[in-house]
Amino acid sequence: MKTSLTLARFHLLSVWNWRTSHLSRVIEAPAYFLFMVTGLDTLVAGARIEGMPYDDFAYAGVLVVIAIRALFWCMGDVANDRKWGVYAVARTTDVSFPQYIGSILAANTLVATVQIAAILVLKQLLGQGSPVQDLRMAGLAVLVCLLTVLTGCALGFGINSYSKRDLMTSLFSLPLVMTAPLFYSLDDLPAFMQVLAAVNPFTYCVLLVRSPATDSFPLQAVAGCLVAALLVAGALRLASGRHELASNEQG
């Protein structure tokens, strides 16, 4: 635990040292909520989406966007670390694979939790808050971030170049956001989007986060998240077998 926390401290110091580059991690989610969600809320004019006010519906969506961003930031962190970051230093000492993963989990989840807390506070300041319900949704979002950070760790061990890292981020980040019911219901959308939503794990993540506003047990969401967790556990198991390998940068 002490080793993981020490490494996590170096991860956070790296974020601070490169804070100008990481500003988007802080301002992106509040900007989504303050501008896009507030603007769309005026268009629906008080209509209820899937049985809840739009601000509650989209609040869960923004929280899951944070989780999606955490996945890709974490993936990039691990890919970078394999060349010259905390991981490279760790491999010169007797640091285990679980200790390194624990440090990534601690650092990136902390950053995501700060973002989630900012959205929680912003929602209350805008007068759209139901504090207990919003806090429960934020807590579930933190759990989703734990899963996405671990997913990013697993993906990061399969990336050996900056170009591949950028390609993965560009190809998958926006489709994952747009094919899950984060900001709109999928009920009346074309069939192909509903099919993509069914295989998008963030569909089930947002249903889980949104469940406190629906007053129902999210059986489908829990099942989907459990399947995703098992897949991530398997990917991390595979990564642990090759964790001693440094990245062979190709371009």
C-alpha atoms as a PDB file:
ATOM      1  CA  MET A   1       0.000   0.000   0.000  1.00  0.00           C
ATOM      2  CA  LYS A   2       2.783   2.431   0.940  1.00  0.00           C
ATOM      3  CA  THR A   3       4.585   1.748  -2.344  1.00  0.00           C
ATOM      4  CA  SER A   4       1.410   2.306  -4.361  1.00  0.00           C
ATOM      5  CA  LEU A   5       0.711   5.589  -2.573  1.00  0.00           C
ATOM      6  CA  THR A   6       4.287   6.746  -3.145  1.00  0.00           C
ATOM      7  CA  LEU A   7       3.993   6.011  -6.858  1.00  0.00           C
ATOM      8  CA  ALA A   8       0.549   7.677  -6.919  1.00  0.00           C
ATOM      9  CA  ARG A   9       2.166  10.794  -5.475  1.00  0.00           C
ATOM     10  CA  PHE A  10       4.578  10.869  -8.422  1.00  0.00           C
ATOM     11  CA  HIS A  11       1.658  10.473 -10.836  1.00  0.00           C
ATOM     12  CA  LEU A  12      -0.111  13.442  -9.242  1.00  0.00           C
ATOM     13  CA  LEU A  13       3.080  15.512  -9.258  1.00  0.00           C
ATOM     14  CA  SER A  14       3.352  14.771 -12.973  1.00  0.00           C
ATOM     15  CA  VAL A  15      -0.202  16.041 -13.479  1.00  0.00           C
ATOM     16  CA  TRP A  16       0.707  19.180 -11.533  1.00  0.00           C
ATOM     17  CA  ASN A  17       3.949  19.711 -13.452  1.00  0.00           C
ATOM     18  CA  TRP A  18       1.993  19.442 -16.712  1.00  0.00           C
ATOM     19  CA  ARG A  19      -1.061  21.234 -15.321  1.00  0.00           C
ATOM     20  CA  THR A  20      -1.444  23.520 -18.340  1.00  0.00           C
ATOM     21  CA  SER A  21      -1.705  20.466 -20.595  1.00  0.00           C
ATOM     22  CA  HIS A  22      -4.175  18.852 -18.195  1.00  0.00           C
ATOM     23  CA  LEU A  23      -6.485  21.862 -17.823  1.00  0.00           C
ATOM     24  CA  SER A  24      -9.043  20.164 -20.056  1.00  0.00           C
ATOM     25  CA  ARG A  25      -9.400  17.428 -17.435  1.00  0.00           C
ATOM     26  CA  VAL A  26     -10.673  20.068 -15.027  1.00  0.00           C
ATOM     27  CA  ILE A  27     -12.774  22.343 -17.219  1.00  0.00           C
ATOM     28  CA  GLU A  28     -14.255  19.972 -19.811  1.00  0.00           C
ATOM     29  CA  ALA A  29     -16.930  18.330 -17.651  1.00  0.00           C
ATOM     30  CA  PRO A  30     -18.176  21.578 -16.012  1.00  0.00           C
ATOM     31  CA  ALA A  31     -18.275  23.147 -19.487  1.00  0.00           C
ATOM     32  CA  TYR A  32     -20.428  20.250 -20.727  1.00  0.00           C
ATOM     33  CA  PHE A  33     -22.864  20.755 -17.868  1.00  0.00           C
ATOM     34  CA  LEU A  34     -22.857  24.549 -17.732  1.00  0.00           C
ATOM     35  CA  PHE A  35     -23.308  25.161 -21.459  1.00  0.00           C
ATOM     36  CA  MET A  36     -24.535  22.094 -23.330  1.00  0.00           C
ATOM     37  CA  VAL A  37     -26.805  20.586 -20.672  1.00  0.00           C
ATOM     38  CA  THR A  38     -28.223  23.945 -19.617  1.00  0.00           C
ATOM     39  CA  GLY A  39     -28.827  24.846 -23.267  1.00  0.00           C
ATOM     40  CA  LEU A  40     -30.541  21.568 -24.103  1.00  0.00           C
ATOM     41  CA  ASP A  41     -32.634  21.854 -20.948  1.00  0.00           C
ATOM     42  CA  THR A  42     -34.202  25.013 -22.376  1.00  0.00           C
ATOM     43  CA  LEU A  43     -35.076  23.161 -25.597  1.00  0.00           C
ATOM     44  CA  VAL A  44     -36.963  20.356 -23.879  1.00  0.00           C
ATOM     45  CA  ALA A  45     -38.849  22.950 -21.803  1.00  0.00           C
ATOM     46  CA  GLY A  46     -39.468  20.878 -18.704  1.00  0.00           C
ATOM     47  CA  ALA A  47     -40.190  17.618 -20.513  1.00  0.00           C
ATOM     48  CA  ARG A  48     -39.313  14.431 -18.680  1.00  0.00           C
ATOM     49  CA  ILE A  49     -36.828  12.035 -20.283  1.00  0.00           C
ATOM     50  CA  GLU A  50     -37.308   8.393 -19.277  1.00  0.00           C
ATOM     51  CA  GLY A  51     -39.381   9.553 -16.329  1.00  0.00           C
ATOM     52  CA  MET A  52     -37.005  12.180 -14.938  1.00  0.00           C
ATOM     53  CA  PRO A  53     -36.204  15.860 -15.483  1.00  0.00           C
ATOM     54  CA  TYR A  54     -33.647  16.450 -18.203  1.00  0.00           C
ATOM     55  CA  ASP A  55     -31.112  18.011 -15.823  1.00  0.00           C
ATOM     56  CA  ASP A  56     -31.034  14.779 -13.790  1.00  0.00           C
ATOM     57  CA  PHE A  57     -30.881  12.679 -16.954  1.00  0.00           C
ATOM     58  CA  ALA A  58     -27.963  14.661 -18.396  1.00  0.00           C
ATOM     59  CA  TYR A  59     -26.217  15.009 -15.028  1.00  0.00           C
ATOM     60  CA  ALA A  60     -25.650  11.259 -15.053  1.00  0.00           C
ATOM     61  CA  GLY A  61     -24.426  11.556 -18.642  1.00  0.00           C
ATOM     62  CA  VAL A  62     -21.786  14.138 -17.756  1.00  0.00           C
ATOM     63  CA  LEU A  63     -20.585  11.977 -14.850  1.00  0.00           C
ATOM     64  CA  VAL A  64     -20.088   9.064 -17.235  1.00  0.00           C
ATOM     65  CA  VAL A  65     -18.273  11.324 -19.716  1.00  0.00           C
ATOM     66  CA  ILE A  66     -15.779  11.904 -16.893  1.00  0.00           C
ATOM     67  CA  ALA A  67     -15.385   8.133 -16.576  1.00  0.00           C
ATOM     68  CA  ILE A  68     -14.825   7.776 -20.336  1.00  0.00           C
ATOM     69  CA  ARG A  69     -12.206  10.516 -20.275  1.00  0.00           C
ATOM     70  CA  ALA A  70     -10.539   8.823 -17.284  1.00  0.00           C
ATOM     71  CA  LEU A  71     -10.231   5.646 -19.349  1.00  0.00           C
ATOM     72  CA  PHE A  72      -8.339   7.354 -22.172  1.00  0.00           C
ATOM     73  CA  TRP A  73      -6.214   9.535 -19.894  1.00  0.00           C
ATOM     74  CA  CYS A  74      -5.219   6.454 -17.928  1.00  0.00           C
ATOM     75  CA  MET A  75      -4.476   4.523 -21.102  1.00  0.00           C
ATOM     76  CA  GLY A  76      -2.152   7.330 -22.181  1.00  0.00           C
ATOM     77  CA  ASP A  77      -0.522   7.492 -18.744  1.00  0.00           C
ATOM     78  CA  VAL A  78       0.354   3.796 -18.806  1.00  0.00           C
ATOM     79  CA  ALA A  79       1.592   3.955 -22.402  1.00  0.00           C
ATOM     80  CA  ASN A  80       3.837   6.900 -21.491  1.00  0.00           C
ATOM     81  CA  ASP A  81       5.006   5.323 -18.246  1.00  0.00           C
ATOM     82  CA  ARG A  82       6.191   2.222 -20.075  1.00  0.00           C
ATOM     83  CA  LYS A  83       8.772   4.385 -21.840  1.00  0.00           C
ATOM     84  CA  TRP A  84      10.082   6.757 -19.198  1.00  0.00           C
ATOM     85  CA  GLY A  85       7.545   7.541 -16.520  1.00  0.00           C
ATOM     86  CA  VAL A  86       6.750   6.163 -13.073  1.00  0.00           C
ATOM     87  CA  TYR A  87       6.559   2.647 -14.472  1.00  0.00           C
ATOM     88  CA  ALA A  88      10.042   2.859 -15.942  1.00  0.00           C
ATOM     89  CA  VAL A  89      11.375   3.945 -12.549  1.00  0.00           C
ATOM     90  CA  ALA A  90       9.337   1.260 -10.801  1.00  0.00           C
ATOM     91  CA  ARG A  91      10.855  -1.475 -12.952  1.00  0.00           C
ATOM     92  CA  THR A  92      14.340  -0.576 -11.686  1.00  0.00           C
ATOM     93  CA  THR A  93      13.181  -1.486  -8.188  1.00  0.00           C
ATOM     94  CA  ASP A  94      11.188  -4.335  -6.708  1.00  0.00           C
ATOM     95  CA  VAL A  95       7.747  -2.912  -7.471  1.00  0.00           C
ATOM     96  CA  SER A  96       5.077  -5.453  -8.345  1.00  0.00           C
ATOM     97  CA  PHE A  97       2.477  -5.200 -11.089  1.00  0.00           C
ATOM     98  CA  PRO A  98      -0.404  -4.841  -8.560  1.00  0.00           C
ATOM     99  CA  GLN A  99       1.465  -2.048  -6.777  1.00  0.00           C
ATOM    100  CA  TYR A 100       1.897  -0.118 -10.001  1.00  0.00           C
ATOM    101  CA  ILE A 101      -1.755  -0.638 -10.991  1.00  0.00           C
ATOM    102  CA  GLY A 102      -2.766   0.475  -7.497  1.00  0.00           C
ATOM    103  CA  SER A 103      -0.840   3.723  -7.932  1.00  0.00           C
ATOM    104  CA  ILE A 104      -2.507   4.459 -11.281  1.00  0.00           C
ATOM    105  CA  LEU A 105      -5.894   3.612  -9.788  1.00  0.00           C
ATOM    106  CA  ALA A 106      -5.374   5.929  -6.814  1.00  0.00           C
ATOM    107  CA  ALA A 107      -4.069   8.903  -8.794  1.00  0.00           C
ATOM    108  CA  ASN A 108      -6.504   8.842 -11.698  1.00  0.00           C
ATOM    109  CA  THR A 109      -9.543   8.053  -9.566  1.00  0.00           C
ATOM    110  CA  LEU A 110      -8.676  10.996  -7.319  1.00  0.00           C
ATOM    111  CA  VAL A 111      -8.578  13.362 -10.310  1.00  0.00           C
ATOM    112  CA  ALA A 112     -11.889  11.971 -11.602  1.00  0.00           C
ATOM    113  CA  THR A 113     -13.478  12.274  -8.147  1.00  0.00           C
ATOM    114  CA  VAL A 114     -12.534  15.954  -7.996  1.00  0.00           C
ATOM    115  CA  GLN A 115     -14.208  16.432 -11.388  1.00  0.00           C
ATOM    116  CA  ILE A 116     -17.326  14.574 -10.227  1.00  0.00           C
ATOM    117  CA  ALA A 117     -17.467  16.690  -7.071  1.00  0.00           C
ATOM    118  CA  ALA A 118     -17.241  19.849  -9.191  1.00  0.00           C
ATOM    119  CA  ILE A 119     -20.277  18.783 -11.244  1.00  0.00           C
ATOM    120  CA  LEU A 120     -22.182  17.883  -8.073  1.00  0.00           C
ATOM    121  CA  VAL A 121     -21.545  21.338  -6.613  1.00  0.00           C
ATOM    122  CA  LEU A 122     -22.284  23.091  -9.918  1.00  0.00           C
ATOM    123  CA  LYS A 123     -25.658  21.374 -10.189  1.00  0.00           C
ATOM    124  CA  GLN A 124     -26.619  22.632  -6.750  1.00  0.00           C
ATOM    125  CA  LEU A 125     -25.412  26.163  -7.520  1.00  0.00           C
ATOM    126  CA  LEU A 126     -27.562  26.240 -10.660  1.00  0.00           C
ATOM    127  CA  GLY A 127     -30.583  25.407  -8.526  1.00  0.00           C
ATOM    128  CA  GLN A 128     -31.104  22.060 -10.255  1.00  0.00           C
ATOM    129  CA  GLY A 129     -30.017  19.918  -7.367  1.00  0.00           C
ATOM    130  CA  SER A 130     -31.592  17.226  -5.242  1.00  0.00           C
ATOM    131  CA  PRO A 131     -28.604  16.861  -2.874  1.00  0.00           C
ATOM    132  CA  VAL A 132     -29.130  13.326  -1.565  1.00  0.00           C
ATOM    133  CA  GLN A 133     -30.044  11.884  -4.967  1.00  0.00           C
ATOM    134  CA  ASP A 134     -27.204  13.744  -6.700  1.00  0.00           C
ATOM    135  CA  LEU A 135     -24.703  12.558  -4.108  1.00  0.00           C
ATOM    136  CA  ARG A 136     -25.774   8.944  -4.604  1.00  0.00           C
ATOM    137  CA  MET A 137     -25.373   9.312  -8.356  1.00  0.00           C
ATOM    138  CA  ALA A 138     -21.927  10.852  -7.858  1.00  0.00           C
ATOM    139  CA  GLY A 139     -20.908   7.937  -5.637  1.00  0.00           C
ATOM    140  CA  LEU A 140     -21.931   5.438  -8.312  1.00  0.00           C
ATOM    141  CA  ALA A 141     -19.982   7.469 -10.873  1.00  0.00           C
ATOM    142  CA  VAL A 142     -16.840   7.110  -8.757  1.00  0.00           C
ATOM    143  CA  LEU A 143     -17.338   3.317  -8.821  1.00  0.00           C
ATOM    144  CA  VAL A 144     -17.657   3.460 -12.615  1.00  0.00           C
ATOM    145  CA  CYS A 145     -14.425   5.492 -12.748  1.00  0.00           C
ATOM    146  CA  LEU A 146     -12.638   2.752 -10.820  1.00  0.00           C
ATOM    147  CA  LEU A 147     -13.658   0.318 -13.553  1.00  0.00           C
ATOM    148  CA  THR A 148     -12.694   2.638 -16.408  1.00  0.00           C
ATOM    149  CA  VAL A 149      -9.302   3.452 -14.903  1.00  0.00           C
ATOM    150  CA  LEU A 150      -8.533  -0.274 -14.678  1.00  0.00           C
ATOM    151  CA  THR A 151      -9.697  -0.620 -18.298  1.00  0.00           C
ATOM    152  CA  GLY A 152      -7.288   2.140 -19.282  1.00  0.00           C
ATOM    153  CA  CYS A 153      -4.485   0.304 -17.482  1.00  0.00           C
ATOM    154  CA  ALA A 154      -5.176  -2.880 -19.449  1.00  0.00           C
ATOM    155  CA  LEU A 155      -5.314  -1.022 -22.768  1.00  0.00           C
ATOM    156  CA  GLY A 156      -2.165   0.936 -21.981  1.00  0.00           C
ATOM    157  CA  PHE A 157      -0.104  -2.253 -21.883  1.00  0.00           C
ATOM    158  CA  GLY A 158      -1.128  -3.013 -25.450  1.00  0.00           C
ATOM    159  CA  ILE A 159       0.069   0.331 -26.839  1.00  0.00           C
ATOM    160  CA  ASN A 160       3.658   0.814 -27.922  1.00  0.00           C
ATOM    161  CA  SER A 161       3.568   4.160 -29.722  1.00  0.00           C
ATOM    162  CA  TYR A 162       2.156   7.641 -29.431  1.00  0.00           C
ATOM    163  CA  SER A 163       0.476   7.255 -32.813  1.00  0.00           C
ATOM    164  CA  LYS A 164      -1.440   4.168 -31.662  1.00  0.00           C
ATOM    165  CA  ARG A 165      -2.431   5.932 -28.443  1.00  0.00           C
ATOM    166  CA  ASP A 166      -3.777   8.913 -30.391  1.00  0.00           C
ATOM    167  CA  LEU A 167      -5.526   6.635 -32.890  1.00  0.00           C
ATOM    168  CA  MET A 168      -7.323   4.725 -30.119  1.00  0.00           C
ATOM    169  CA  THR A 169      -8.441   7.958 -28.477  1.00  0.00           C
ATOM    170  CA  SER A 170      -9.653   9.537 -31.711  1.00  0.00           C
ATOM    171  CA  LEU A 171     -11.443   6.441 -32.992  1.00  0.00           C
ATOM    172  CA  PHE A 172     -13.287   5.384 -29.865  1.00  0.00           C
ATOM    173  CA  SER A 173     -13.823   8.277 -27.450  1.00  0.00           C
ATOM    174  CA  LEU A 174     -16.539  10.123 -29.389  1.00  0.00           C
ATOM    175  CA  PRO A 175     -18.416   6.975 -30.577  1.00  0.00           C
ATOM    176  CA  LEU A 176     -18.535   5.704 -26.994  1.00  0.00           C
ATOM    177  CA  VAL A 177     -20.093   8.992 -25.899  1.00  0.00           C
ATOM    178  CA  MET A 178     -22.558   9.276 -28.786  1.00  0.00           C
ATOM    179  CA  THR A 179     -23.855   5.692 -28.800  1.00  0.00           C
ATOM    180  CA  ALA A 180     -24.695   5.561 -25.105  1.00  0.00           C
ATOM    181  CA  PRO A 181     -27.796   7.285 -23.689  1.00  0.00           C
ATOM    182  CA  LEU A 182     -25.781  10.017 -21.977  1.00  0.00           C
ATOM    183  CA  PHE A 183     -27.611  13.101 -23.239  1.00  0.00           C
ATOM    184  CA  TYR A 184     -30.605  11.696 -25.085  1.00  0.00           C
ATOM    185  CA  SER A 185     -32.827   8.651 -25.028  1.00  0.00           C
ATOM    186  CA  LEU A 186     -32.112   6.030 -27.659  1.00  0.00           C
ATOM    187  CA  ASP A 187     -35.732   4.899 -27.986  1.00  0.00           C
ATOM    188  CA  ASP A 188     -36.535   6.789 -31.196  1.00  0.00           C
ATOM    189  CA  LEU A 189     -33.090   6.668 -32.779  1.00  0.00           C
ATOM    190  CA  PRO A 190     -32.188   4.517 -35.810  1.00  0.00           C
ATOM    191  CA  ALA A 191     -31.811   0.795 -35.257  1.00  0.00           C
ATOM    192  CA  PHE A 192     -28.055   0.823 -35.904  1.00  0.00           C
ATOM    193  CA  MET A 193     -27.513   3.226 -32.977  1.00  0.00           C
ATOM    194  CA  GLN A 194     -29.629   1.067 -30.709  1.00  0.00           C
ATOM    195  CA  VAL A 195     -27.524  -1.962 -31.695  1.00  0.00           C
ATOM    196  CA  LEU A 196     -24.311  -0.064 -30.979  1.00  0.00           C
ATOM    197  CA  ALA A 197     -25.744   1.114 -27.661  1.00  0.00           C
ATOM    198  CA  ALA A 198     -26.486  -2.492 -26.684  1.00  0.00           C
ATOM    199  CA  VAL A 199     -22.787  -3.417 -27.003  1.00  0.00           C
ATOM    200  CA  ASN A 200     -21.471  -0.154 -25.566  1.00  0.00           C
ATOM    201  CA  PRO A 201     -20.521  -0.812 -21.912  1.00  0.00           C
ATOM    202  CA  PHE A 202     -21.175   2.814 -21.033  1.00  0.00           C
ATOM    203  CA  THR A 203     -24.855   2.277 -21.773  1.00  0.00           C
ATOM    204  CA  TYR A 204     -24.957   0.075 -18.684  1.00  0.00           C
ATOM    205  CA  CYS A 205     -22.672   2.383 -16.716  1.00  0.00           C
ATOM    206  CA  VAL A 206     -24.965   5.370 -17.224  1.00  0.00           C
ATOM    207  CA  LEU A 207     -28.036   3.287 -16.351  1.00  0.00           C
ATOM    208  CA  LEU A 208     -26.318   2.366 -13.099  1.00  0.00           C
ATOM    209  CA  VAL A 209     -25.376   5.974 -12.303  1.00  0.00           C
ATOM    210  CA  ARG A 210     -28.894   7.152 -13.208  1.00  0.00           C
ATOM    211  CA  SER A 211     -30.657   4.535 -11.065  1.00  0.00           C
ATOM    212  CA  PRO A 212     -31.119   6.736  -7.933  1.00  0.00           C
ATOM    213  CA  ALA A 213     -33.302   9.034 -10.068  1.00  0.00           C
ATOM    214  CA  THR A 214     -35.445   6.157 -11.349  1.00  0.00           C
ATOM    215  CA  ASP A 215     -36.230   4.511  -7.992  1.00  0.00           C
ATOM    216  CA  SER A 216     -35.716   1.044  -9.434  1.00  0.00           C
ATOM    217  CA  PHE A 217     -33.086  -1.656  -9.098  1.00  0.00           C
ATOM    218  CA  PRO A 218     -30.899  -1.487 -12.227  1.00  0.00           C
ATOM    219  CA  LEU A 219     -30.606  -5.243 -12.852  1.00  0.00           C
ATOM    220  CA  GLN A 220     -29.627  -4.817 -16.507  1.00  0.00           C
ATOM    221  CA  ALA A 221     -27.056  -2.172 -15.594  1.00  0.00           C
ATOM    222  CA  VAL A 222     -25.517  -4.267 -12.834  1.00  0.00           C
ATOM    223  CA  ALA A 223     -25.285  -7.291 -15.125  1.00  0.00           C
ATOM    224  CA  GLY A 224     -23.666  -5.240 -17.889  1.00  0.00           C
ATOM    225  CA  CYS A 225     -21.138  -3.692 -15.517  1.00  0.00           C
ATOM    226  CA  LEU A 226     -20.274  -7.099 -14.043  1.00  0.00           C
ATOM    227  CA  VAL A 227     -19.594  -8.495 -17.515  1.00  0.00           C
ATOM    228  CA  ALA A 228     -17.389  -5.480 -18.269  1.00  0.00           C
ATOM    229  CA  ALA A 229     -15.547  -5.944 -14.961  1.00  0.00           C
ATOM    230  CA  LEU A 230     -14.852  -9.608 -15.753  1.00  0.00           C
ATOM    231  CA  LEU A 231     -13.470  -8.677 -19.166  1.00  0.00           C
ATOM    232  CA  VAL A 232     -11.234  -6.021 -17.618  1.00  0.00           C
ATOM    233  CA  ALA A 233     -10.010  -8.478 -14.996  1.00  0.00           C
ATOM    234  CA  GLY A 234      -9.091 -10.916 -17.762  1.00  0.00           C
ATOM    235  CA  ALA A 235      -7.263  -8.200 -19.714  1.00  0.00           C
ATOM    236  CA  LEU A 236      -5.299  -7.172 -16.621  1.00  0.00           C
ATOM    237  CA  ARG A 237      -4.430 -10.811 -16.029  1.00  0.00           C
ATOM    238  CA  LEU A 238      -2.970 -10.989 -19.528  1.00  0.00           C
ATOM    239  CA  ALA A 239      -1.132  -7.695 -19.019  1.00  0.00           C
ATOM    240  CA  SER A 240       0.392  -8.921 -15.755  1.00  0.00           C
ATOM    241  CA  GLY A 241       2.157 -11.700 -17.647  1.00  0.00           C
ATOM    242  CA  ARG A 242       4.073  -9.197 -19.765  1.00  0.00           C
ATOM    243  CA  HIS A 243       4.401  -6.268 -17.381  1.00  0.00           C
ATOM    244  CA  GLU A 244       8.178  -6.539 -17.259  1.00  0.00           C
ATOM    245  CA  LEU A 245       8.366  -5.598 -20.943  1.00  0.00           C
ATOM    246  CA  ALA A 246       9.132  -1.995 -21.763  1.00  0.00           C
ATOM    247  CA  SER A 247       7.461  -0.344 -24.721  1.00  0.00           C
ATOM    248  CA  ASN A 248       9.231  -0.849 -28.043  1.00  0.00           C
ATOM    249  CA  GLU A 249       8.383   2.575 -29.436  1.00  0.00           C
ATOM    250  CA  GLN A 250       7.714   2.282 -33.155  1.00  0.00           C
ATOM    251  CA  GLY A 251       6.553   5.749 -33.990  1.00  0.00           C
END
